[in-house]
Amino acid sequence: MIMDSVNKERQILRDKLLEASLPHVTFDGWSLKALQAATTDLGIKEGLIYTVFVDPENELVKHFSNWTDRKMIDRLSELNFETMKVRDRITKAVRVRLEVLSDHKEALRRSVLKSSPVDLYNTVDLIWRRAGDKAVDFNFYSKRVLLTAVLSSTTLYWLDDNSEDHTKTWEFLDRRISDVMRIPKIKDKLKTIINLSLRPIKKK
């Protein structure tokens, strides 16, 4: 859907407030105090917060996820993404998303308990769609469940990874993706079991 000019202006202001808030989130958490400090840094009126956020503290965390997703997509658009294998597309997307957040580790850490499962699902769904997934059957759900586990575990590993260039995280990610690639055989067995369980019991 094409964003109209009013919503575009609101998004721009939201982005500015978020980006100016991030350094303060490290000390003040995802709070109104951090947002108020952002308005001071930007030299704008504090009341403008409420023109773009109804519930500033909670909505700011949600916008943080949305902002990160958009940054991820922008970076992926600069790559020859379509020439990669699907496995490599998914791996790259997860890695790029974390690289977007490389200067905001503490803000991300503080957002974990405040984040909505819906935001995580939106990210996972976006990654699969950007990777070219067009599944509409059982695969649609299984792919998203599996990637949710990969993204969540890799993010938590990355938050505590102090290795150079996060080398250990990328190795961890590769292992998780390899595990997922072995899932289809298990998934086929699961589908068979489900299908059998759904069959009506034949009368003797």
C-alpha atoms as a PDB file:
ATOM      1  CA  MET A   1       0.000   0.000   0.000  1.00  0.00           C
ATOM      2  CA  ILE A   2       1.341   3.423  -0.962  1.00  0.00           C
ATOM      3  CA  MET A   3       1.949   5.584   2.088  1.00  0.00           C
ATOM      4  CA  ASP A   4       0.132   8.938   1.909  1.00  0.00           C
ATOM      5  CA  SER A   5       2.008  12.160   2.683  1.00  0.00           C
ATOM      6  CA  VAL A   6       0.563  12.533   6.195  1.00  0.00           C
ATOM      7  CA  ASN A   7       1.547   9.011   7.255  1.00  0.00           C
ATOM      8  CA  LYS A   8       4.938   9.458   5.626  1.00  0.00           C
ATOM      9  CA  GLU A   9       5.555  12.602   7.665  1.00  0.00           C
ATOM     10  CA  ARG A  10       4.464  10.780  10.823  1.00  0.00           C
ATOM     11  CA  GLN A  11       6.848   7.932  10.063  1.00  0.00           C
ATOM     12  CA  ILE A  12       9.718  10.339   9.448  1.00  0.00           C
ATOM     13  CA  LEU A  13       9.088  12.031  12.803  1.00  0.00           C
ATOM     14  CA  ARG A  14       8.768   8.645  14.525  1.00  0.00           C
ATOM     15  CA  ASP A  15      12.097   7.587  13.023  1.00  0.00           C
ATOM     16  CA  LYS A  16      13.776  10.797  14.173  1.00  0.00           C
ATOM     17  CA  LEU A  17      12.427  10.419  17.700  1.00  0.00           C
ATOM     18  CA  LEU A  18      13.466   6.764  17.823  1.00  0.00           C
ATOM     19  CA  GLU A  19      16.978   7.395  16.542  1.00  0.00           C
ATOM     20  CA  ALA A  20      17.467  10.294  18.956  1.00  0.00           C
ATOM     21  CA  SER A  21      16.092   8.159  21.812  1.00  0.00           C
ATOM     22  CA  LEU A  22      18.401   5.182  21.312  1.00  0.00           C
ATOM     23  CA  PRO A  23      21.446   6.655  23.136  1.00  0.00           C
ATOM     24  CA  HIS A  24      19.194   7.552  26.073  1.00  0.00           C
ATOM     25  CA  VAL A  25      17.509   4.132  26.152  1.00  0.00           C
ATOM     26  CA  THR A  26      20.856   2.701  27.235  1.00  0.00           C
ATOM     27  CA  PHE A  27      20.550   4.623  30.509  1.00  0.00           C
ATOM     28  CA  ASP A  28      16.825   5.339  30.912  1.00  0.00           C
ATOM     29  CA  GLY A  29      15.323   2.253  29.268  1.00  0.00           C
ATOM     30  CA  TRP A  30      12.352   2.373  26.911  1.00  0.00           C
ATOM     31  CA  SER A  31      10.765   5.217  28.822  1.00  0.00           C
ATOM     32  CA  LEU A  32       9.074   8.541  28.350  1.00  0.00           C
ATOM     33  CA  LYS A  33      12.199  10.067  29.869  1.00  0.00           C
ATOM     34  CA  ALA A  34      14.286   8.764  26.951  1.00  0.00           C
ATOM     35  CA  LEU A  35      11.794  10.206  24.476  1.00  0.00           C
ATOM     36  CA  GLN A  36      11.759  13.555  26.243  1.00  0.00           C
ATOM     37  CA  ALA A  37      15.542  13.660  26.091  1.00  0.00           C
ATOM     38  CA  ALA A  38      15.274  12.962  22.357  1.00  0.00           C
ATOM     39  CA  THR A  39      13.037  16.008  21.827  1.00  0.00           C
ATOM     40  CA  THR A  40      15.622  18.136  23.621  1.00  0.00           C
ATOM     41  CA  ASP A  41      18.384  16.793  21.382  1.00  0.00           C
ATOM     42  CA  LEU A  42      16.279  17.450  18.290  1.00  0.00           C
ATOM     43  CA  GLY A  43      15.226  20.890  19.458  1.00  0.00           C
ATOM     44  CA  ILE A  44      11.525  20.168  19.052  1.00  0.00           C
ATOM     45  CA  LYS A  45       8.552  20.575  21.379  1.00  0.00           C
ATOM     46  CA  GLU A  46       7.911  17.718  23.773  1.00  0.00           C
ATOM     47  CA  GLY A  47       4.219  17.742  22.824  1.00  0.00           C
ATOM     48  CA  LEU A  48       5.088  16.441  19.364  1.00  0.00           C
ATOM     49  CA  ILE A  49       5.649  13.032  20.925  1.00  0.00           C
ATOM     50  CA  TYR A  50       1.894  12.639  21.293  1.00  0.00           C
ATOM     51  CA  THR A  51       1.180  13.581  17.685  1.00  0.00           C
ATOM     52  CA  VAL A  52       2.830  10.361  16.505  1.00  0.00           C
ATOM     53  CA  PHE A  53       2.519   8.055  19.535  1.00  0.00           C
ATOM     54  CA  VAL A  54      -0.653   7.416  21.526  1.00  0.00           C
ATOM     55  CA  ASP A  55       1.164   5.198  24.027  1.00  0.00           C
ATOM     56  CA  PRO A  56       4.761   6.456  23.592  1.00  0.00           C
ATOM     57  CA  GLU A  57       6.705   3.958  25.704  1.00  0.00           C
ATOM     58  CA  ASN A  58       5.091   0.821  24.272  1.00  0.00           C
ATOM     59  CA  GLU A  59       4.765   2.110  20.721  1.00  0.00           C
ATOM     60  CA  LEU A  60       8.412   3.175  20.619  1.00  0.00           C
ATOM     61  CA  VAL A  61       9.551  -0.427  21.148  1.00  0.00           C
ATOM     62  CA  LYS A  62       7.208  -1.600  18.394  1.00  0.00           C
ATOM     63  CA  HIS A  63       8.536   1.116  16.089  1.00  0.00           C
ATOM     64  CA  PHE A  64      12.094   0.038  16.921  1.00  0.00           C
ATOM     65  CA  SER A  65      11.322  -3.386  15.447  1.00  0.00           C
ATOM     66  CA  ASN A  66       9.629  -1.848  12.397  1.00  0.00           C
ATOM     67  CA  TRP A  67      12.534   0.571  11.893  1.00  0.00           C
ATOM     68  CA  THR A  68      15.024  -2.310  12.065  1.00  0.00           C
ATOM     69  CA  ASP A  69      13.015  -4.343   9.556  1.00  0.00           C
ATOM     70  CA  ARG A  70      12.982  -1.464   7.093  1.00  0.00           C
ATOM     71  CA  LYS A  71      16.721  -0.904   7.486  1.00  0.00           C
ATOM     72  CA  MET A  72      17.253  -4.631   6.891  1.00  0.00           C
ATOM     73  CA  ILE A  73      15.206  -4.587   3.689  1.00  0.00           C
ATOM     74  CA  ASP A  74      17.059  -1.492   2.435  1.00  0.00           C
ATOM     75  CA  ARG A  75      20.407  -3.233   2.895  1.00  0.00           C
ATOM     76  CA  LEU A  76      19.200  -6.453   1.305  1.00  0.00           C
ATOM     77  CA  SER A  77      18.011  -4.448  -1.700  1.00  0.00           C
ATOM     78  CA  GLU A  78      21.616  -3.456  -2.328  1.00  0.00           C
ATOM     79  CA  LEU A  79      22.655  -7.106  -2.714  1.00  0.00           C
ATOM     80  CA  ASN A  80      22.181  -9.608  -5.539  1.00  0.00           C
ATOM     81  CA  PHE A  81      19.696 -11.314  -3.268  1.00  0.00           C
ATOM     82  CA  GLU A  82      17.791 -13.133  -6.012  1.00  0.00           C
ATOM     83  CA  THR A  83      20.923 -14.956  -7.184  1.00  0.00           C
ATOM     84  CA  MET A  84      21.389 -16.624  -3.784  1.00  0.00           C
ATOM     85  CA  LYS A  85      20.026 -19.974  -2.697  1.00  0.00           C
ATOM     86  CA  VAL A  86      17.053 -19.712  -0.349  1.00  0.00           C
ATOM     87  CA  ARG A  87      19.156 -20.973   2.567  1.00  0.00           C
ATOM     88  CA  ASP A  88      21.694 -18.208   1.934  1.00  0.00           C
ATOM     89  CA  ARG A  89      18.960 -15.573   1.606  1.00  0.00           C
ATOM     90  CA  ILE A  90      17.546 -16.446   5.010  1.00  0.00           C
ATOM     91  CA  THR A  91      21.000 -16.568   6.606  1.00  0.00           C
ATOM     92  CA  LYS A  92      21.932 -13.216   5.087  1.00  0.00           C
ATOM     93  CA  ALA A  93      18.687 -11.570   6.160  1.00  0.00           C
ATOM     94  CA  VAL A  94      19.124 -12.630   9.793  1.00  0.00           C
ATOM     95  CA  ARG A  95      22.745 -11.489   9.746  1.00  0.00           C
ATOM     96  CA  VAL A  96      21.940  -8.133   8.142  1.00  0.00           C
ATOM     97  CA  ARG A  97      19.185  -7.472  10.676  1.00  0.00           C
ATOM     98  CA  LEU A  98      21.628  -7.953  13.527  1.00  0.00           C
ATOM     99  CA  GLU A  99      24.255  -5.833  11.779  1.00  0.00           C
ATOM    100  CA  VAL A 100      21.705  -3.006  11.560  1.00  0.00           C
ATOM    101  CA  LEU A 101      21.539  -3.170  15.357  1.00  0.00           C
ATOM    102  CA  SER A 102      25.296  -3.369  15.932  1.00  0.00           C
ATOM    103  CA  ASP A 103      25.396   0.089  17.561  1.00  0.00           C
ATOM    104  CA  HIS A 104      22.265  -0.522  19.606  1.00  0.00           C
ATOM    105  CA  LYS A 105      22.902  -3.757  21.489  1.00  0.00           C
ATOM    106  CA  GLU A 106      21.860  -2.406  24.871  1.00  0.00           C
ATOM    107  CA  ALA A 107      18.682  -0.877  23.434  1.00  0.00           C
ATOM    108  CA  LEU A 108      17.825  -4.241  21.867  1.00  0.00           C
ATOM    109  CA  ARG A 109      18.609  -6.071  25.104  1.00  0.00           C
ATOM    110  CA  ARG A 110      16.244  -3.757  26.990  1.00  0.00           C
ATOM    111  CA  SER A 111      13.541  -4.226  24.365  1.00  0.00           C
ATOM    112  CA  VAL A 112      13.395  -8.029  24.628  1.00  0.00           C
ATOM    113  CA  LEU A 113      10.920  -8.184  27.510  1.00  0.00           C
ATOM    114  CA  LYS A 114       8.815  -5.361  26.071  1.00  0.00           C
ATOM    115  CA  SER A 115       8.624  -6.700  22.520  1.00  0.00           C
ATOM    116  CA  SER A 116       5.422  -8.251  21.213  1.00  0.00           C
ATOM    117  CA  PRO A 117       5.339 -11.745  19.671  1.00  0.00           C
ATOM    118  CA  VAL A 118       3.443 -10.081  16.815  1.00  0.00           C
ATOM    119  CA  ASP A 119       6.499  -7.958  16.020  1.00  0.00           C
ATOM    120  CA  LEU A 120       8.697 -11.057  15.931  1.00  0.00           C
ATOM    121  CA  TYR A 121       6.226 -12.793  13.635  1.00  0.00           C
ATOM    122  CA  ASN A 122       6.137  -9.745  11.336  1.00  0.00           C
ATOM    123  CA  THR A 123       9.922  -9.826  11.056  1.00  0.00           C
ATOM    124  CA  VAL A 124      10.022 -13.548  10.319  1.00  0.00           C
ATOM    125  CA  ASP A 125       7.216 -13.269   7.778  1.00  0.00           C
ATOM    126  CA  LEU A 126       8.961 -10.337   6.097  1.00  0.00           C
ATOM    127  CA  ILE A 127      12.221 -12.275   5.809  1.00  0.00           C
ATOM    128  CA  TRP A 128      10.501 -15.274   4.218  1.00  0.00           C
ATOM    129  CA  ARG A 129       8.577 -13.086   1.786  1.00  0.00           C
ATOM    130  CA  ARG A 130      11.717 -11.157   0.871  1.00  0.00           C
ATOM    131  CA  ALA A 131      13.411 -14.520   0.295  1.00  0.00           C
ATOM    132  CA  GLY A 132      10.729 -15.338  -2.266  1.00  0.00           C
ATOM    133  CA  ASP A 133       8.591 -17.707  -0.219  1.00  0.00           C
ATOM    134  CA  LYS A 134       5.146 -18.245  -1.724  1.00  0.00           C
ATOM    135  CA  ALA A 135       3.982 -21.155   0.387  1.00  0.00           C
ATOM    136  CA  VAL A 136       0.298 -21.185   1.335  1.00  0.00           C
ATOM    137  CA  ASP A 137       0.034 -24.675   2.826  1.00  0.00           C
ATOM    138  CA  PHE A 138       1.489 -26.437   5.862  1.00  0.00           C
ATOM    139  CA  ASN A 139       4.919 -25.114   4.841  1.00  0.00           C
ATOM    140  CA  PHE A 140       3.837 -21.518   5.394  1.00  0.00           C
ATOM    141  CA  TYR A 141       3.465 -22.058   9.126  1.00  0.00           C
ATOM    142  CA  SER A 142       6.315 -24.496   9.655  1.00  0.00           C
ATOM    143  CA  LYS A 143       8.810 -22.176   7.939  1.00  0.00           C
ATOM    144  CA  ARG A 144       7.831 -19.276  10.154  1.00  0.00           C
ATOM    145  CA  VAL A 145       7.923 -21.325  13.336  1.00  0.00           C
ATOM    146  CA  LEU A 146      11.382 -22.611  12.488  1.00  0.00           C
ATOM    147  CA  LEU A 147      12.754 -19.197  11.570  1.00  0.00           C
ATOM    148  CA  THR A 148      11.286 -17.700  14.749  1.00  0.00           C
ATOM    149  CA  ALA A 149      13.394 -20.156  16.741  1.00  0.00           C
ATOM    150  CA  VAL A 150      16.496 -19.404  14.640  1.00  0.00           C
ATOM    151  CA  LEU A 151      16.126 -15.621  14.851  1.00  0.00           C
ATOM    152  CA  SER A 152      15.367 -15.636  18.586  1.00  0.00           C
ATOM    153  CA  SER A 153      18.235 -17.937  19.577  1.00  0.00           C
ATOM    154  CA  THR A 154      20.731 -16.200  17.281  1.00  0.00           C
ATOM    155  CA  THR A 155      19.759 -12.766  18.599  1.00  0.00           C
ATOM    156  CA  LEU A 156      20.244 -13.848  22.213  1.00  0.00           C
ATOM    157  CA  TYR A 157      23.602 -15.425  21.324  1.00  0.00           C
ATOM    158  CA  TRP A 158      24.663 -12.250  19.469  1.00  0.00           C
ATOM    159  CA  LEU A 159      23.823 -10.008  22.421  1.00  0.00           C
ATOM    160  CA  ASP A 160      26.499 -11.722  24.539  1.00  0.00           C
ATOM    161  CA  ASP A 161      29.004 -12.353  21.752  1.00  0.00           C
ATOM    162  CA  ASN A 162      32.221 -10.377  22.111  1.00  0.00           C
ATOM    163  CA  SER A 163      34.157 -12.195  19.405  1.00  0.00           C
ATOM    164  CA  GLU A 164      35.765 -10.135  16.656  1.00  0.00           C
ATOM    165  CA  ASP A 165      33.172  -9.130  14.030  1.00  0.00           C
ATOM    166  CA  HIS A 166      30.742 -11.459  15.844  1.00  0.00           C
ATOM    167  CA  THR A 167      32.395 -14.440  14.169  1.00  0.00           C
ATOM    168  CA  LYS A 168      31.009 -16.862  16.749  1.00  0.00           C
ATOM    169  CA  THR A 169      27.474 -15.617  16.154  1.00  0.00           C
ATOM    170  CA  TRP A 170      27.681 -16.214  12.416  1.00  0.00           C
ATOM    171  CA  GLU A 171      28.994 -19.725  13.079  1.00  0.00           C
ATOM    172  CA  PHE A 172      26.131 -20.282  15.502  1.00  0.00           C
ATOM    173  CA  LEU A 173      23.672 -18.997  12.870  1.00  0.00           C
ATOM    174  CA  ASP A 174      25.074 -21.355  10.230  1.00  0.00           C
ATOM    175  CA  ARG A 175      24.606 -24.290  12.593  1.00  0.00           C
ATOM    176  CA  ARG A 176      21.018 -23.316  13.352  1.00  0.00           C
ATOM    177  CA  ILE A 177      20.230 -22.952   9.644  1.00  0.00           C
ATOM    178  CA  SER A 178      21.823 -26.353   8.968  1.00  0.00           C
ATOM    179  CA  ASP A 179      19.564 -27.845  11.640  1.00  0.00           C
ATOM    180  CA  VAL A 180      16.541 -26.294   9.936  1.00  0.00           C
ATOM    181  CA  MET A 181      17.588 -27.704   6.579  1.00  0.00           C
ATOM    182  CA  ARG A 182      17.365 -31.181   8.084  1.00  0.00           C
ATOM    183  CA  ILE A 183      13.823 -30.572   9.313  1.00  0.00           C
ATOM    184  CA  PRO A 184      11.928 -31.399   6.052  1.00  0.00           C
ATOM    185  CA  LYS A 185      12.379 -35.153   6.577  1.00  0.00           C
ATOM    186  CA  ILE A 186      11.016 -34.856  10.108  1.00  0.00           C
ATOM    187  CA  LYS A 187       8.272 -32.519   8.879  1.00  0.00           C
ATOM    188  CA  ASP A 188       7.133 -35.003   6.226  1.00  0.00           C
ATOM    189  CA  LYS A 189       6.759 -37.674   8.915  1.00  0.00           C
ATOM    190  CA  LEU A 190       4.813 -35.214  11.073  1.00  0.00           C
ATOM    191  CA  LYS A 191       2.477 -34.377   8.200  1.00  0.00           C
ATOM    192  CA  THR A 192       1.834 -38.089   7.653  1.00  0.00           C
ATOM    193  CA  ILE A 193       0.998 -38.564  11.328  1.00  0.00           C
ATOM    194  CA  ILE A 194      -1.328 -35.538  11.302  1.00  0.00           C
ATOM    195  CA  ASN A 195      -3.077 -36.685   8.130  1.00  0.00           C
ATOM    196  CA  LEU A 196      -3.589 -40.162   9.564  1.00  0.00           C
ATOM    197  CA  SER A 197      -4.950 -38.766  12.799  1.00  0.00           C
ATOM    198  CA  LEU A 198      -7.479 -36.672  10.890  1.00  0.00           C
ATOM    199  CA  ARG A 199      -8.888 -39.601   8.931  1.00  0.00           C
ATOM    200  CA  PRO A 200     -12.326 -40.753  10.114  1.00  0.00           C
ATOM    201  CA  ILE A 201     -12.359 -44.049  11.959  1.00  0.00           C
ATOM    202  CA  LYS A 202     -13.712 -46.737   9.682  1.00  0.00           C
ATOM    203  CA  LYS A 203     -16.693 -48.664  10.935  1.00  0.00           C
ATOM    204  CA  LYS A 204     -16.113 -52.357  11.343  1.00  0.00           C
END
